[in-house]
Amino acid sequence: DSQYEPDAQGYMRHKVALAQFAAWFSRGVEVYVHYSLERYAFEARRTSALPGMVLQVDCFELTAAFDQEVKPTLEEVLELGGLYCALTSREGASGAGS
């Protein structure tokens, strides 16, 4: 989400919301946010630390582009056996409602 880019208007309120979300988890769980799929992939490659879980929240654009963009990226930079969860209030990749 471009709102998580540090130079974005309204960045601070999005950062606070993310902090509240991360607080739900016990200590030892690291939570990162990226403003684009490309940035996520770049950071995963740069640190050589493959995440065990990716949570995509309210991003219909990526849900709609799952097969073409998201899946190939996850196959490269998500830990083998890792989890991908997409939470969106709109029609998802399953095509439900079509």
Protein backbone atom coordinates (compact mmCIF):
# COMPACT_ATOMS: atom_id res chain seq x y z
CA ASP A 1 0.00 0.00 0.00
CA SER A 2 1.51 3.31 -1.05
CA GLN A 3 0.24 4.87 2.22
CA TYR A 4 3.02 2.99 4.03
CA GLU A 5 5.69 4.74 1.98
CA PRO A 6 7.45 7.10 4.43
CA ASP A 7 6.90 10.14 2.17
CA ALA A 8 3.17 9.47 1.71
CA GLN A 9 0.54 11.85 3.03
CA GLY A 10 -1.09 10.30 6.09
CA TYR A 11 1.86 7.96 6.71
CA MET A 12 1.81 8.42 10.49
CA ARG A 13 -1.79 7.26 10.98
CA HIS A 14 -1.10 4.16 8.89
CA LYS A 15 2.04 3.50 10.92
CA VAL A 16 0.00 3.74 14.15
CA ALA A 17 -2.60 1.30 12.78
CA LEU A 18 0.18 -1.12 11.89
CA ALA A 19 1.65 -0.82 15.38
CA GLN A 20 -1.75 -1.65 16.88
CA PHE A 21 -2.02 -4.69 14.60
CA ALA A 22 1.50 -5.89 15.49
CA ALA A 23 0.70 -5.55 19.21
CA TRP A 24 -1.73 -8.47 18.92
CA PHE A 25 1.18 -10.85 18.51
CA SER A 26 3.37 -12.20 21.27
CA ARG A 27 6.95 -11.12 21.59
CA GLY A 28 9.33 -12.64 19.11
CA VAL A 29 7.08 -12.12 16.10
CA GLU A 30 8.60 -9.59 13.73
CA VAL A 31 6.12 -7.61 11.63
CA TYR A 32 7.19 -5.73 8.50
CA VAL A 33 5.15 -3.70 6.04
CA HIS A 34 6.02 -2.86 2.46
CA TYR A 35 4.35 -0.33 0.21
CA SER A 36 4.70 -2.49 -2.90
CA LEU A 37 5.17 -6.11 -3.90
CA GLU A 38 8.43 -5.11 -5.55
CA ARG A 39 9.72 -3.56 -2.32
CA TYR A 40 8.77 -6.68 -0.35
CA ALA A 41 10.67 -8.91 -2.80
CA PHE A 42 13.67 -6.56 -2.79
CA GLU A 43 13.92 -6.54 1.00
CA ALA A 44 13.53 -10.33 1.26
CA ARG A 45 16.32 -10.84 -1.28
CA ARG A 46 18.54 -8.17 0.27
CA THR A 47 18.41 -9.61 3.76
CA SER A 48 18.33 -13.26 2.65
CA ALA A 49 15.67 -13.72 5.33
CA LEU A 50 12.71 -15.49 3.80
CA PRO A 51 9.51 -14.79 5.73
CA GLY A 52 7.44 -17.69 7.06
CA MET A 53 4.17 -15.86 6.52
CA VAL A 54 2.83 -13.09 4.32
CA LEU A 55 -0.40 -11.36 5.28
CA GLN A 56 -1.95 -9.24 2.54
CA VAL A 57 -4.57 -6.94 4.02
CA ASP A 58 -7.25 -5.11 2.02
CA CYS A 59 -5.41 -5.03 -1.30
CA PHE A 60 -7.82 -6.10 -4.03
CA GLU A 61 -5.36 -5.07 -6.75
CA LEU A 62 -2.90 -7.76 -5.66
CA THR A 63 -5.65 -10.32 -5.09
CA ALA A 64 -6.80 -9.81 -8.68
CA ALA A 65 -3.19 -10.16 -9.94
CA PHE A 66 -2.37 -13.21 -7.83
CA ASP A 67 -1.50 -15.66 -10.62
CA GLN A 68 0.45 -13.18 -12.72
CA GLU A 69 2.39 -11.23 -10.07
CA VAL A 70 1.97 -12.36 -6.48
CA LYS A 71 2.34 -16.14 -6.81
CA PRO A 72 5.64 -16.04 -8.77
CA THR A 73 7.09 -13.56 -6.26
CA LEU A 74 6.00 -15.66 -3.28
CA GLU A 75 7.45 -18.80 -4.84
CA GLU A 76 10.80 -17.01 -4.91
CA VAL A 77 10.87 -15.14 -1.61
CA LEU A 78 8.57 -16.99 0.82
CA GLU A 79 10.02 -19.71 3.03
CA LEU A 80 9.27 -23.21 1.72
CA GLY A 81 6.07 -24.30 3.46
CA GLY A 82 5.33 -20.68 4.42
CA LEU A 83 1.83 -19.24 4.66
CA TYR A 84 0.17 -16.63 2.48
CA CYS A 85 -3.08 -15.13 3.78
CA ALA A 86 -5.12 -12.56 1.87
CA LEU A 87 -7.70 -10.61 3.85
CA THR A 88 -9.94 -8.47 1.71
CA SER A 89 -13.57 -7.43 1.86
CA ARG A 90 -13.98 -7.79 -1.88
CA GLU A 91 -14.11 -10.70 -4.28
CA GLY A 92 -10.92 -12.72 -3.98
CA ALA A 93 -8.83 -14.88 -6.23
CA SER A 94 -11.37 -17.71 -5.96
CA GLY A 95 -13.70 -15.84 -8.29
CA ALA A 96 -16.60 -16.19 -5.86
CA GLY A 97 -19.57 -14.21 -7.03
CA SER A 98 -18.51 -14.30 -10.70
